[in-house]
Amino acid sequence: MSLTVIFIIVMVVLITVFDVWIIAKKGKTQSISAVIIRSSKQYPLITLLVGILLGHLYWSMKTIDIYGKCQ
């Protein structure tokens, strides 16, 4: 397993654990989703930047760039 995959898994687990913990301690109004929704209404630029980031991550790539040299 590559270092990148391990990093992604660790980040998803940490974010999930934090979100569950913060909801248990402070309620749903402090969850990651609630904060993002409130922030996006106050600062629409955040929504645009997240859209650009996700577009960058999911944009199509050449097969060789994804899988490496095919044999």
Protein backbone atom coordinates (compact mmCIF):
# COMPACT_ATOMS: atom_id res chain seq x y z
CA MET A 1 0.00 0.00 0.00
CA SER A 2 1.42 3.38 -0.96
CA LEU A 3 2.13 6.19 1.45
CA THR A 4 -0.54 8.31 -0.26
CA VAL A 5 -3.24 5.68 0.31
CA ILE A 6 -2.22 5.33 3.96
CA PHE A 7 -2.34 9.13 4.36
CA ILE A 8 -5.84 9.32 2.85
CA ILE A 9 -7.13 6.51 5.08
CA VAL A 10 -5.63 8.09 8.21
CA MET A 11 -7.11 11.51 7.36
CA VAL A 12 -10.59 10.06 6.72
CA VAL A 13 -10.47 8.13 10.00
CA LEU A 14 -9.26 11.18 11.96
CA ILE A 15 -11.91 13.45 10.47
CA THR A 16 -14.62 10.87 11.14
CA VAL A 17 -13.51 10.34 14.75
CA PHE A 18 -13.32 14.11 15.32
CA ASP A 19 -16.78 14.67 13.83
CA VAL A 20 -18.36 11.94 15.96
CA TRP A 21 -16.59 13.28 19.06
CA ILE A 22 -17.58 16.92 18.45
CA ILE A 23 -21.22 15.95 17.81
CA ALA A 24 -21.26 13.95 21.06
CA LYS A 25 -19.72 16.82 23.05
CA LYS A 26 -21.18 19.96 21.44
CA GLY A 27 -24.11 18.79 19.29
CA LYS A 28 -24.82 18.73 15.57
CA THR A 29 -24.48 22.50 15.22
CA GLN A 30 -20.72 22.11 15.68
CA SER A 31 -20.30 19.21 13.25
CA ILE A 32 -18.03 19.59 10.25
CA SER A 33 -21.04 19.64 7.93
CA ALA A 34 -22.83 22.37 9.87
CA VAL A 35 -19.71 24.54 10.02
CA ILE A 36 -19.09 24.10 6.28
CA ILE A 37 -22.70 24.97 5.41
CA ARG A 38 -22.65 28.08 7.62
CA SER A 39 -19.27 29.13 6.26
CA SER A 40 -20.32 28.67 2.65
CA LYS A 41 -23.33 30.94 3.18
CA GLN A 42 -21.16 33.62 4.80
CA TYR A 43 -18.22 33.18 2.43
CA PRO A 44 -19.33 31.77 -0.96
CA LEU A 45 -15.72 31.81 -2.11
CA ILE A 46 -15.11 28.78 0.14
CA THR A 47 -17.63 26.77 -1.88
CA LEU A 48 -15.94 27.83 -5.12
CA LEU A 49 -12.50 26.87 -3.83
CA VAL A 50 -13.71 23.46 -2.65
CA GLY A 51 -15.30 22.93 -6.07
CA ILE A 52 -12.01 23.81 -7.78
CA LEU A 53 -10.11 21.46 -5.48
CA LEU A 54 -12.50 18.55 -6.11
CA GLY A 55 -12.48 19.29 -9.83
CA HIS A 56 -8.69 19.08 -9.75
CA LEU A 57 -8.75 15.78 -7.84
CA TYR A 58 -11.33 14.13 -10.12
CA TRP A 59 -10.27 15.60 -13.46
CA SER A 60 -9.44 12.97 -16.04
CA MET A 61 -5.82 11.84 -16.40
CA LYS A 62 -3.91 9.79 -18.93
CA THR A 63 -3.91 6.08 -18.11
CA ILE A 64 -0.12 6.04 -17.87
CA ASP A 65 -0.24 8.83 -15.27
CA ILE A 66 -2.70 6.85 -13.17
CA TYR A 67 -1.28 3.32 -13.40
CA GLY A 68 2.29 3.91 -14.50
CA LYS A 69 4.03 2.15 -17.34
CA CYS A 70 1.87 -0.64 -18.78
CA GLN A 71 3.69 -3.84 -19.63
